[in-house]
C-alpha cells in the first residue's frame, strides 16, 4: 500500500535520487500530507500534483542532487497566483537527497507503522517506533529547523477484519477485502477449506477465543454454516463494546430470534443495536455474494474515514 517505499529501497542505490515529501498541507491541495515522489535526473516516480507545484518541486529536487547525499531542504508554497494555481491551499515540502546508507529503517516500514524522523545537520535520522504518536504539523508558521523531530503513520490505516466462514459468502468477502486497506483474519472449522489460501482452520470451541483476542477496533463478520454458532459468535462480539462492527448474514426472522436471545443473555438494548443484520443493504437483497461483499466492505471503509 505504500507505493513509494519500493522505489526508495531500489532506485537510490542505482542513481542519485531526491525524495519529495508533503510534510504538511492546509486548505484545498492536490495531495495530502504524507504523499511522496522520487526524482532522479531523468525520471519521476509517483506524483504530488499534476501542475506547477510538482514542476517547482522537481526543479528544487534536481538542484539538491548537486549537493551531498543526506542534504535536505524545506520549502513552503501557497497554491495561488505565484504557482498559477487556484486551489487556495498551502503546502510544506521536505526534499532530501537520499543517502542509500541511511535507509536501514525502510526494511521495517509497513502500513500502519509509525516512522520518526529527526532533522540533523546534513542528514535525516529515521527509525520505526510504533509507540510514538503521530505529530500534528502545520503548513504555516516557522519551518522546522535542525533538531526538529516528527512522527507519521505510514500508509493507510488497516482495520482488522475478523471473518468467520469460508463458504461462498466468506470467499467473496475475502477476495475483495484482500484489495482494500483491511487486515484480514479468516477462520473456519471445516477441514474441507484448509486448501484455501488464508483460511485458518480452528476447532469450533476456539472461535469465541478468536473474538476475545481480536484487536479492540476490529470489525467482525460472521458468515458460518451453523446458526447456533453464528449466535454464539455474535454474542461474544457484542459483549466487547470496543469492537467497531458486528455483521451477520440473515433476514428479519433470524434477526428477531437473535435479538430475543441476546436480550435473554443480558446484552443491553444498546449492545443489540450494534448488530448489523443482514449485512449489505436491504434494498439490494437478495443478492449475489460479491454484491453483498462489496457493499459491506464499502461500509467498513467508511468506518476508517470517520
C-alpha atoms as a PDB file:
ATOM      1  CA  UNK A   1       0.000   0.000   0.000  1.00  0.00           C
ATOM      2  CA  UNK A   2       2.964   2.397   0.455  1.00  0.00           C
ATOM      3  CA  UNK A   3       3.686   2.962  -3.227  1.00  0.00           C
ATOM      4  CA  UNK A   4       6.878   4.981  -2.714  1.00  0.00           C
ATOM      5  CA  UNK A   5       8.650   2.504  -0.464  1.00  0.00           C
ATOM      6  CA  UNK A   6       9.763   0.022  -3.179  1.00  0.00           C
ATOM      7  CA  UNK A   7      11.197   2.910  -5.210  1.00  0.00           C
ATOM      8  CA  UNK A   8      13.079   4.188  -2.195  1.00  0.00           C
ATOM      9  CA  UNK A   9      14.543   0.767  -1.468  1.00  0.00           C
ATOM     10  CA  UNK A  10      15.697   0.209  -5.057  1.00  0.00           C
ATOM     11  CA  UNK A  11      16.361   3.365  -7.075  1.00  0.00           C
ATOM     12  CA  UNK A  12      18.790   5.474  -4.954  1.00  0.00           C
ATOM     13  CA  UNK A  13      21.272   2.573  -4.915  1.00  0.00           C
ATOM     14  CA  UNK A  14      21.459   2.791  -8.721  1.00  0.00           C
ATOM     15  CA  UNK A  15      21.293   6.538  -9.358  1.00  0.00           C
ATOM     16  CA  UNK A  16      21.193   9.778  -7.354  1.00  0.00           C
ATOM     17  CA  UNK A  17      17.621  10.422  -6.245  1.00  0.00           C
ATOM     18  CA  UNK A  18      15.747  13.030  -4.236  1.00  0.00           C
ATOM     19  CA  UNK A  19      12.646  12.291  -2.190  1.00  0.00           C
ATOM     20  CA  UNK A  20       9.904  14.939  -2.198  1.00  0.00           C
ATOM     21  CA  UNK A  21       7.559  14.613   0.781  1.00  0.00           C
ATOM     22  CA  UNK A  22       4.433  16.655   1.533  1.00  0.00           C
ATOM     23  CA  UNK A  23       5.184  17.341   5.164  1.00  0.00           C
ATOM     24  CA  UNK A  24       2.036  19.355   5.885  1.00  0.00           C
ATOM     25  CA  UNK A  25      -0.814  20.949   3.968  1.00  0.00           C
ATOM     26  CA  UNK A  26      -3.689  23.305   4.619  1.00  0.00           C
ATOM     27  CA  UNK A  27      -6.863  24.095   2.723  1.00  0.00           C
ATOM     28  CA  UNK A  28      -7.509  22.750  -0.763  1.00  0.00           C
ATOM     29  CA  UNK A  29      -4.454  20.851  -2.035  1.00  0.00           C
ATOM     30  CA  UNK A  30      -3.970  18.261  -4.815  1.00  0.00           C
ATOM     31  CA  UNK A  31      -2.483  15.648  -2.464  1.00  0.00           C
ATOM     32  CA  UNK A  32      -2.467  15.233   1.291  1.00  0.00           C
ATOM     33  CA  UNK A  33       0.299  15.143   3.872  1.00  0.00           C
ATOM     34  CA  UNK A  34       2.466  12.047   3.532  1.00  0.00           C
ATOM     35  CA  UNK A  35       2.352  11.919  -0.281  1.00  0.00           C
ATOM     36  CA  UNK A  36       5.787  11.399  -1.797  1.00  0.00           C
ATOM     37  CA  UNK A  37       7.563  11.248  -5.118  1.00  0.00           C
ATOM     38  CA  UNK A  38      11.090  10.198  -6.038  1.00  0.00           C
ATOM     39  CA  UNK A  39      13.042  12.331  -8.505  1.00  0.00           C
ATOM     40  CA  UNK A  40      16.152  11.370 -10.487  1.00  0.00           C
ATOM     41  CA  UNK A  41      17.914  13.367 -13.175  1.00  0.00           C
ATOM     42  CA  UNK A  42      15.835  11.793 -15.928  1.00  0.00           C
ATOM     43  CA  UNK A  43      12.753  10.235 -14.296  1.00  0.00           C
ATOM     44  CA  UNK A  44       9.905  10.762 -11.860  1.00  0.00           C
ATOM     45  CA  UNK A  45       8.344   8.065  -9.697  1.00  0.00           C
ATOM     46  CA  UNK A  46       4.974   8.948  -8.234  1.00  0.00           C
ATOM     47  CA  UNK A  47       3.374  12.379  -8.049  1.00  0.00           C
ATOM     48  CA  UNK A  48       2.468  15.097  -5.559  1.00  0.00           C
ATOM     49  CA  UNK A  49       0.496  17.188  -8.078  1.00  0.00           C
ATOM     50  CA  UNK A  50      -0.160  17.440 -11.803  1.00  0.00           C
ATOM     51  CA  UNK A  51       0.579  21.149 -12.015  1.00  0.00           C
ATOM     52  CA  UNK A  52       3.030  23.888 -11.187  1.00  0.00           C
ATOM     53  CA  UNK A  53       3.664  22.704  -7.615  1.00  0.00           C
ATOM     54  CA  UNK A  54       5.134  19.455  -8.915  1.00  0.00           C
ATOM     55  CA  UNK A  55       7.198  21.231 -11.557  1.00  0.00           C
ATOM     56  CA  UNK A  56       8.664  23.529  -8.906  1.00  0.00           C
ATOM     57  CA  UNK A  57       9.321  20.600  -6.554  1.00  0.00           C
ATOM     58  CA  UNK A  58      11.111  18.658  -9.307  1.00  0.00           C
ATOM     59  CA  UNK A  59      13.258  21.715 -10.038  1.00  0.00           C
ATOM     60  CA  UNK A  60      14.199  22.007  -6.354  1.00  0.00           C
ATOM     61  CA  UNK A  61      14.844  18.261  -6.080  1.00  0.00           C
ATOM     62  CA  UNK A  62      17.194  18.160  -9.072  1.00  0.00           C
ATOM     63  CA  UNK A  63      19.064  21.169  -7.748  1.00  0.00           C
ATOM     64  CA  UNK A  64      19.504  19.310  -4.442  1.00  0.00           C
ATOM     65  CA  UNK A  65      21.040  16.339  -6.297  1.00  0.00           C
ATOM     66  CA  UNK A  66      24.080  18.548  -6.847  1.00  0.00           C
ATOM     67  CA  UNK A  67      24.611  18.686  -3.079  1.00  0.00           C
ATOM     68  CA  UNK A  68      25.863  15.934  -0.774  1.00  0.00           C
ATOM     69  CA  UNK A  69      23.802  12.852  -0.053  1.00  0.00           C
ATOM     70  CA  UNK A  70      21.695  13.373   3.042  1.00  0.00           C
ATOM     71  CA  UNK A  71      21.191  17.100   2.325  1.00  0.00           C
ATOM     72  CA  UNK A  72      17.659  18.336   2.912  1.00  0.00           C
ATOM     73  CA  UNK A  73      15.551  21.461   2.480  1.00  0.00           C
ATOM     74  CA  UNK A  74      12.083  22.595   3.459  1.00  0.00           C
ATOM     75  CA  UNK A  75      10.008  24.737   1.101  1.00  0.00           C
ATOM     76  CA  UNK A  76       6.625  26.400   1.634  1.00  0.00           C
ATOM     77  CA  UNK A  77       4.262  27.065  -1.256  1.00  0.00           C
ATOM     78  CA  UNK A  78       0.932  28.925  -1.279  1.00  0.00           C
ATOM     79  CA  UNK A  79      -1.148  27.400  -4.091  1.00  0.00           C
ATOM     80  CA  UNK A  80      -2.211  30.680  -5.622  1.00  0.00           C
ATOM     81  CA  UNK A  81      -1.097  33.117  -8.326  1.00  0.00           C
ATOM     82  CA  UNK A  82       2.599  32.501  -7.566  1.00  0.00           C
ATOM     83  CA  UNK A  83       2.291  28.984  -8.955  1.00  0.00           C
ATOM     84  CA  UNK A  84      -0.535  29.700 -11.365  1.00  0.00           C
ATOM     85  CA  UNK A  85      -2.895  27.519  -9.340  1.00  0.00           C
ATOM     86  CA  UNK A  86      -6.253  28.352  -7.831  1.00  0.00           C
ATOM     87  CA  UNK A  87      -6.532  25.674  -5.103  1.00  0.00           C
ATOM     88  CA  UNK A  88      -6.042  28.277  -2.388  1.00  0.00           C
ATOM     89  CA  UNK A  89      -4.237  25.904  -0.027  1.00  0.00           C
ATOM     90  CA  UNK A  90      -0.705  25.811   1.331  1.00  0.00           C
ATOM     91  CA  UNK A  91       1.861  23.030   1.149  1.00  0.00           C
ATOM     92  CA  UNK A  92       5.099  22.464   3.073  1.00  0.00           C
ATOM     93  CA  UNK A  93       7.571  20.172   1.320  1.00  0.00           C
ATOM     94  CA  UNK A  94      10.550  18.290   2.699  1.00  0.00           C
ATOM     95  CA  UNK A  95      13.041  17.495  -0.074  1.00  0.00           C
ATOM     96  CA  UNK A  96      16.115  15.358   0.572  1.00  0.00           C
ATOM     97  CA  UNK A  97      18.973  13.905  -1.438  1.00  0.00           C
ATOM     98  CA  UNK A  98      18.556  10.260  -0.466  1.00  0.00           C
ATOM     99  CA  UNK A  99      21.548   8.570   1.101  1.00  0.00           C
ATOM    100  CA  UNK A 100      21.221   4.800   0.454  1.00  0.00           C
ATOM    101  CA  UNK A 101      23.375   4.126   3.535  1.00  0.00           C
ATOM    102  CA  UNK A 102      20.707   5.697   5.763  1.00  0.00           C
ATOM    103  CA  UNK A 103      17.794   3.525   4.645  1.00  0.00           C
ATOM    104  CA  UNK A 104      18.043   0.773   7.255  1.00  0.00           C
ATOM    105  CA  UNK A 105      14.651   1.835   8.637  1.00  0.00           C
ATOM    106  CA  UNK A 106      12.984   1.027   5.288  1.00  0.00           C
ATOM    107  CA  UNK A 107      13.251  -2.697   5.980  1.00  0.00           C
ATOM    108  CA  UNK A 108      10.955  -2.227   8.991  1.00  0.00           C
ATOM    109  CA  UNK A 109       8.464   0.132   7.359  1.00  0.00           C
ATOM    110  CA  UNK A 110       4.939  -1.115   6.661  1.00  0.00           C
ATOM    111  CA  UNK A 111       1.376   0.142   6.512  1.00  0.00           C
ATOM    112  CA  UNK A 112       0.184   1.366   9.885  1.00  0.00           C
ATOM    113  CA  UNK A 113       3.634   1.608  11.482  1.00  0.00           C
ATOM    114  CA  UNK A 114       4.980   4.917  12.825  1.00  0.00           C
ATOM    115  CA  UNK A 115       8.070   6.481  11.263  1.00  0.00           C
ATOM    116  CA  UNK A 116      10.009   9.005  13.368  1.00  0.00           C
ATOM    117  CA  UNK A 117      12.264  11.490  11.525  1.00  0.00           C
ATOM    118  CA  UNK A 118      14.777  13.883  13.105  1.00  0.00           C
ATOM    119  CA  UNK A 119      16.329  16.697  11.076  1.00  0.00           C
ATOM    120  CA  UNK A 120      20.072  16.713  11.639  1.00  0.00           C
ATOM    121  CA  UNK A 121      22.902  18.749  10.016  1.00  0.00           C
ATOM    122  CA  UNK A 122      23.355  17.231   6.566  1.00  0.00           C
ATOM    123  CA  UNK A 123      21.153  14.213   7.180  1.00  0.00           C
ATOM    124  CA  UNK A 124      17.799  12.941   8.426  1.00  0.00           C
ATOM    125  CA  UNK A 125      17.803  10.218  11.061  1.00  0.00           C
ATOM    126  CA  UNK A 126      14.840   7.853  10.973  1.00  0.00           C
ATOM    127  CA  UNK A 127      13.538   4.844  12.852  1.00  0.00           C
ATOM    128  CA  UNK A 128      10.269   2.951  13.169  1.00  0.00           C
ATOM    129  CA  UNK A 129       8.648   3.366  16.602  1.00  0.00           C
ATOM    130  CA  UNK A 130       5.100   2.046  16.958  1.00  0.00           C
ATOM    131  CA  UNK A 131       4.785   3.602  20.424  1.00  0.00           C
ATOM    132  CA  UNK A 132       5.272   7.151  19.106  1.00  0.00           C
ATOM    133  CA  UNK A 133       2.214   9.327  18.495  1.00  0.00           C
ATOM    134  CA  UNK A 134       1.916  10.887  15.026  1.00  0.00           C
ATOM    135  CA  UNK A 135       2.791  14.585  15.031  1.00  0.00           C
ATOM    136  CA  UNK A 136       0.358  17.361  14.129  1.00  0.00           C
ATOM    137  CA  UNK A 137       2.225  19.514  11.603  1.00  0.00           C
ATOM    138  CA  UNK A 138       1.195  22.849  10.116  1.00  0.00           C
ATOM    139  CA  UNK A 139       1.848  24.302   6.672  1.00  0.00           C
ATOM    140  CA  UNK A 140       2.178  27.749   8.241  1.00  0.00           C
ATOM    141  CA  UNK A 141       4.495  29.343  10.751  1.00  0.00           C
ATOM    142  CA  UNK A 142       8.180  28.740  11.267  1.00  0.00           C
ATOM    143  CA  UNK A 143       9.778  25.976   9.247  1.00  0.00           C
ATOM    144  CA  UNK A 144      11.165  23.018  11.199  1.00  0.00           C
ATOM    145  CA  UNK A 145      14.853  23.508  11.970  1.00  0.00           C
ATOM    146  CA  UNK A 146      17.771  21.225  12.737  1.00  0.00           C
ATOM    147  CA  UNK A 147      16.919  19.102  15.754  1.00  0.00           C
ATOM    148  CA  UNK A 148      13.188  19.060  14.985  1.00  0.00           C
ATOM    149  CA  UNK A 149      11.559  15.649  15.147  1.00  0.00           C
ATOM    150  CA  UNK A 150       8.201  14.454  13.857  1.00  0.00           C
ATOM    151  CA  UNK A 151       6.339  11.162  13.580  1.00  0.00           C
ATOM    152  CA  UNK A 152       3.912   9.930  10.931  1.00  0.00           C
ATOM    153  CA  UNK A 153       1.807   6.838  10.476  1.00  0.00           C
ATOM    154  CA  UNK A 154       2.752   5.182   7.205  1.00  0.00           C
ATOM    155  CA  UNK A 155       0.249   4.272   4.539  1.00  0.00           C
ATOM    156  CA  UNK A 156      -3.427   3.858   5.209  1.00  0.00           C
ATOM    157  CA  UNK A 157      -4.970   2.677   8.440  1.00  0.00           C
ATOM    158  CA  UNK A 158      -5.837  -1.008   8.009  1.00  0.00           C
ATOM    159  CA  UNK A 159      -8.744  -2.005  10.234  1.00  0.00           C
ATOM    160  CA  UNK A 160      -8.543  -5.614  11.454  1.00  0.00           C
ATOM    161  CA  UNK A 161     -11.316  -7.663   9.820  1.00  0.00           C
ATOM    162  CA  UNK A 162     -12.144 -10.961  11.511  1.00  0.00           C
ATOM    163  CA  UNK A 163     -14.092 -13.096   9.045  1.00  0.00           C
ATOM    164  CA  UNK A 164     -15.787 -16.293  10.226  1.00  0.00           C
ATOM    165  CA  UNK A 165     -16.876 -18.703   7.497  1.00  0.00           C
ATOM    166  CA  UNK A 166     -15.158 -19.873   4.307  1.00  0.00           C
ATOM    167  CA  UNK A 167     -18.186 -20.801   2.234  1.00  0.00           C
ATOM    168  CA  UNK A 168     -19.259 -18.933  -0.906  1.00  0.00           C
ATOM    169  CA  UNK A 169     -20.074 -15.730   1.009  1.00  0.00           C
ATOM    170  CA  UNK A 170     -16.866 -15.836   3.035  1.00  0.00           C
ATOM    171  CA  UNK A 171     -14.792 -16.396  -0.087  1.00  0.00           C
ATOM    172  CA  UNK A 172     -16.401 -13.379  -1.776  1.00  0.00           C
ATOM    173  CA  UNK A 173     -15.630 -11.186   1.232  1.00  0.00           C
ATOM    174  CA  UNK A 174     -12.039 -12.422   1.452  1.00  0.00           C
ATOM    175  CA  UNK A 175     -11.435 -11.920  -2.279  1.00  0.00           C
ATOM    176  CA  UNK A 176     -12.500  -8.271  -2.223  1.00  0.00           C
ATOM    177  CA  UNK A 177     -11.048  -7.476   1.214  1.00  0.00           C
ATOM    178  CA  UNK A 178      -7.574  -8.525   0.041  1.00  0.00           C
ATOM    179  CA  UNK A 179      -7.558  -5.497  -2.261  1.00  0.00           C
ATOM    180  CA  UNK A 180      -8.548  -2.986   0.409  1.00  0.00           C
ATOM    181  CA  UNK A 181      -6.822  -1.364   3.415  1.00  0.00           C
ATOM    182  CA  UNK A 182      -8.014  -4.073   5.808  1.00  0.00           C
ATOM    183  CA  UNK A 183      -6.081  -6.669   7.843  1.00  0.00           C
ATOM    184  CA  UNK A 184      -7.891  -9.916   7.199  1.00  0.00           C
ATOM    185  CA  UNK A 185      -8.000 -12.778   9.696  1.00  0.00           C
ATOM    186  CA  UNK A 186     -10.150 -15.605   8.272  1.00  0.00           C
ATOM    187  CA  UNK A 187     -11.437 -18.620  10.202  1.00  0.00           C
ATOM    188  CA  UNK A 188     -13.462 -21.778   9.657  1.00  0.00           C
ATOM    189  CA  UNK A 189     -13.880 -25.077  11.462  1.00  0.00           C
ATOM    190  CA  UNK A 190     -14.242 -27.367   8.429  1.00  0.00           C
ATOM    191  CA  UNK A 191     -11.107 -29.165   7.172  1.00  0.00           C
ATOM    192  CA  UNK A 192     -12.523 -29.146   3.622  1.00  0.00           C
ATOM    193  CA  UNK A 193     -11.479 -25.478   3.392  1.00  0.00           C
ATOM    194  CA  UNK A 194      -7.916 -25.918   4.568  1.00  0.00           C
ATOM    195  CA  UNK A 195      -6.613 -25.752   0.985  1.00  0.00           C
ATOM    196  CA  UNK A 196      -7.941 -22.213   0.511  1.00  0.00           C
ATOM    197  CA  UNK A 197      -5.143 -19.705   0.983  1.00  0.00           C
ATOM    198  CA  UNK A 198      -5.632 -17.522   4.032  1.00  0.00           C
ATOM    199  CA  UNK A 199      -8.158 -19.662   5.890  1.00  0.00           C
ATOM    200  CA  UNK A 200      -7.178 -20.766   9.395  1.00  0.00           C
ATOM    201  CA  UNK A 201      -8.926 -23.964  10.443  1.00  0.00           C
ATOM    202  CA  UNK A 202      -9.621 -23.988  14.189  1.00  0.00           C
ATOM    203  CA  UNK A 203     -11.775 -26.137  16.482  1.00  0.00           C
ATOM    204  CA  UNK A 204     -15.268 -24.748  16.973  1.00  0.00           C
ATOM    205  CA  UNK A 205     -14.625 -24.263  20.682  1.00  0.00           C
ATOM    206  CA  UNK A 206     -11.748 -21.887  19.839  1.00  0.00           C
ATOM    207  CA  UNK A 207     -13.728 -19.451  17.680  1.00  0.00           C
ATOM    208  CA  UNK A 208     -15.063 -17.410  20.589  1.00  0.00           C
ATOM    209  CA  UNK A 209     -11.498 -17.110  21.879  1.00  0.00           C
ATOM    210  CA  UNK A 210     -10.520 -15.684  18.489  1.00  0.00           C
ATOM    211  CA  UNK A 211     -13.085 -12.918  19.060  1.00  0.00           C
ATOM    212  CA  UNK A 212     -11.847 -12.371  22.597  1.00  0.00           C
ATOM    213  CA  UNK A 213      -8.325 -11.851  21.239  1.00  0.00           C
ATOM    214  CA  UNK A 214      -9.345  -9.590  18.327  1.00  0.00           C
ATOM    215  CA  UNK A 215      -7.977  -6.017  18.458  1.00  0.00           C
ATOM    216  CA  UNK A 216     -10.240  -3.506  20.132  1.00  0.00           C
ATOM    217  CA  UNK A 217     -11.123  -1.727  16.870  1.00  0.00           C
ATOM    218  CA  UNK A 218     -11.735  -4.852  14.795  1.00  0.00           C
ATOM    219  CA  UNK A 219     -14.700  -5.466  12.532  1.00  0.00           C
ATOM    220  CA  UNK A 220     -16.333  -8.883  12.929  1.00  0.00           C
ATOM    221  CA  UNK A 221     -18.167 -10.578  10.033  1.00  0.00           C
ATOM    222  CA  UNK A 222     -19.983 -13.810  10.828  1.00  0.00           C
ATOM    223  CA  UNK A 223     -20.892 -15.976   7.827  1.00  0.00           C
ATOM    224  CA  UNK A 224     -20.728 -19.538   9.149  1.00  0.00           C
ATOM    225  CA  UNK A 225     -22.737 -22.583   8.130  1.00  0.00           C
ATOM    226  CA  UNK A 226     -24.365 -23.015  11.554  1.00  0.00           C
ATOM    227  CA  UNK A 227     -26.997 -20.680  13.034  1.00  0.00           C
ATOM    228  CA  UNK A 228     -26.213 -21.698  16.613  1.00  0.00           C
ATOM    229  CA  UNK A 229     -22.539 -20.946  16.004  1.00  0.00           C
ATOM    230  CA  UNK A 230     -23.474 -17.616  14.403  1.00  0.00           C
ATOM    231  CA  UNK A 231     -25.337 -16.720  17.580  1.00  0.00           C
ATOM    232  CA  UNK A 232     -22.503 -17.626  19.938  1.00  0.00           C
ATOM    233  CA  UNK A 233     -20.035 -15.590  17.923  1.00  0.00           C
ATOM    234  CA  UNK A 234     -22.385 -12.604  17.702  1.00  0.00           C
ATOM    235  CA  UNK A 235     -22.959 -12.703  21.459  1.00  0.00           C
ATOM    236  CA  UNK A 236     -19.208 -12.834  22.113  1.00  0.00           C
ATOM    237  CA  UNK A 237     -18.556  -9.922  19.768  1.00  0.00           C
ATOM    238  CA  UNK A 238     -21.343  -7.724  21.155  1.00  0.00           C
ATOM    239  CA  UNK A 239     -20.110  -8.338  24.694  1.00  0.00           C
ATOM    240  CA  UNK A 240     -16.966  -6.380  23.711  1.00  0.00           C
ATOM    241  CA  UNK A 241     -18.089  -2.753  23.468  1.00  0.00           C
ATOM    242  CA  UNK A 242     -14.889  -1.650  21.714  1.00  0.00           C
ATOM    243  CA  UNK A 243     -15.486  -3.860  18.667  1.00  0.00           C
ATOM    244  CA  UNK A 244     -16.155  -1.438  15.799  1.00  0.00           C
ATOM    245  CA  UNK A 245     -18.591  -3.517  13.755  1.00  0.00           C
ATOM    246  CA  UNK A 246     -20.501  -6.785  14.107  1.00  0.00           C
ATOM    247  CA  UNK A 247     -22.262  -8.071  11.000  1.00  0.00           C
ATOM    248  CA  UNK A 248     -24.139 -11.271  10.136  1.00  0.00           C
ATOM    249  CA  UNK A 249     -25.996 -12.778   7.230  1.00  0.00           C
ATOM    250  CA  UNK A 250     -29.697 -13.379   7.839  1.00  0.00           C
ATOM    251  CA  UNK A 251     -33.137 -11.966   7.206  1.00  0.00           C
ATOM    252  CA  UNK A 252     -35.775 -10.441   9.508  1.00  0.00           C
ATOM    253  CA  UNK A 253     -36.838 -13.688  11.176  1.00  0.00           C
ATOM    254  CA  UNK A 254     -33.252 -14.566  12.158  1.00  0.00           C
ATOM    255  CA  UNK A 255     -32.674 -11.033  13.406  1.00  0.00           C
ATOM    256  CA  UNK A 256     -35.796 -11.195  15.623  1.00  0.00           C
ATOM    257  CA  UNK A 257     -34.743 -14.577  17.006  1.00  0.00           C
ATOM    258  CA  UNK A 258     -31.214 -13.384  17.771  1.00  0.00           C
ATOM    259  CA  UNK A 259     -32.482 -10.172  19.354  1.00  0.00           C
ATOM    260  CA  UNK A 260     -34.719 -12.103  21.748  1.00  0.00           C
ATOM    261  CA  UNK A 261     -31.905 -14.492  22.712  1.00  0.00           C
ATOM    262  CA  UNK A 262     -29.397 -11.668  23.168  1.00  0.00           C
ATOM    263  CA  UNK A 263     -31.787  -9.854  25.496  1.00  0.00           C
ATOM    264  CA  UNK A 264     -32.274 -13.073  27.457  1.00  0.00           C
ATOM    265  CA  UNK A 265     -28.493 -13.439  27.719  1.00  0.00           C
ATOM    266  CA  UNK A 266     -28.020  -9.981  29.165  1.00  0.00           C
ATOM    267  CA  UNK A 267     -26.944  -7.983  26.089  1.00  0.00           C
ATOM    268  CA  UNK A 268     -28.284  -4.437  26.522  1.00  0.00           C
ATOM    269  CA  UNK A 269     -30.530  -2.673  24.037  1.00  0.00           C
ATOM    270  CA  UNK A 270     -27.557  -0.550  23.000  1.00  0.00           C
ATOM    271  CA  UNK A 271     -25.448  -3.665  22.516  1.00  0.00           C
ATOM    272  CA  UNK A 272     -28.149  -5.303  20.415  1.00  0.00           C
ATOM    273  CA  UNK A 273     -28.445  -2.150  18.292  1.00  0.00           C
ATOM    274  CA  UNK A 274     -24.780  -2.571  17.306  1.00  0.00           C
ATOM    275  CA  UNK A 275     -25.607  -5.754  15.421  1.00  0.00           C
ATOM    276  CA  UNK A 276     -25.783  -5.249  11.647  1.00  0.00           C
ATOM    277  CA  UNK A 277     -28.049  -7.921  10.272  1.00  0.00           C
ATOM    278  CA  UNK A 278     -28.367  -8.512   7.423  1.00  0.00           C
ATOM    279  CA  UNK A 279     -25.039  -7.252   6.108  1.00  0.00           C
ATOM    280  CA  UNK A 280     -25.150  -5.230   2.910  1.00  0.00           C
ATOM    281  CA  UNK A 281     -28.164  -3.035   2.079  1.00  0.00           C
ATOM    282  CA  UNK A 282     -31.726  -4.365   2.449  1.00  0.00           C
ATOM    283  CA  UNK A 283     -32.722  -2.759  -0.865  1.00  0.00           C
ATOM    284  CA  UNK A 284     -30.140  -4.943  -2.634  1.00  0.00           C
ATOM    285  CA  UNK A 285     -31.280  -8.217  -1.049  1.00  0.00           C
ATOM    286  CA  UNK A 286     -31.381 -10.959  -2.065  1.00  0.00           C
ATOM    287  CA  UNK A 287     -28.129 -10.518  -3.962  1.00  0.00           C
ATOM    288  CA  UNK A 288     -25.068 -12.430  -5.092  1.00  0.00           C
ATOM    289  CA  UNK A 289     -22.279 -12.837  -2.504  1.00  0.00           C
ATOM    290  CA  UNK A 290     -19.990 -10.484  -4.445  1.00  0.00           C
ATOM    291  CA  UNK A 291     -22.584  -7.705  -4.367  1.00  0.00           C
ATOM    292  CA  UNK A 292     -23.155  -8.104  -0.626  1.00  0.00           C
ATOM    293  CA  UNK A 293     -19.407  -8.206  -0.007  1.00  0.00           C
ATOM    294  CA  UNK A 294     -18.700  -5.047  -1.993  1.00  0.00           C
ATOM    295  CA  UNK A 295     -21.468  -3.074  -0.271  1.00  0.00           C
ATOM    296  CA  UNK A 296     -20.461  -4.244   3.193  1.00  0.00           C
ATOM    297  CA  UNK A 297     -16.747  -3.627   2.684  1.00  0.00           C
ATOM    298  CA  UNK A 298     -17.536  -0.121   1.448  1.00  0.00           C
ATOM    299  CA  UNK A 299     -19.383   0.451   4.714  1.00  0.00           C
ATOM    300  CA  UNK A 300     -16.338  -0.744   6.651  1.00  0.00           C
ATOM    301  CA  UNK A 301     -14.130   1.699   4.755  1.00  0.00           C
ATOM    302  CA  UNK A 302     -16.471   4.469   5.877  1.00  0.00           C
ATOM    303  CA  UNK A 303     -15.628   3.459   9.449  1.00  0.00           C
ATOM    304  CA  UNK A 304     -11.954   4.035   8.604  1.00  0.00           C
ATOM    305  CA  UNK A 305     -12.747   7.549   7.378  1.00  0.00           C
ATOM    306  CA  UNK A 306     -14.840   8.538  10.403  1.00  0.00           C
END
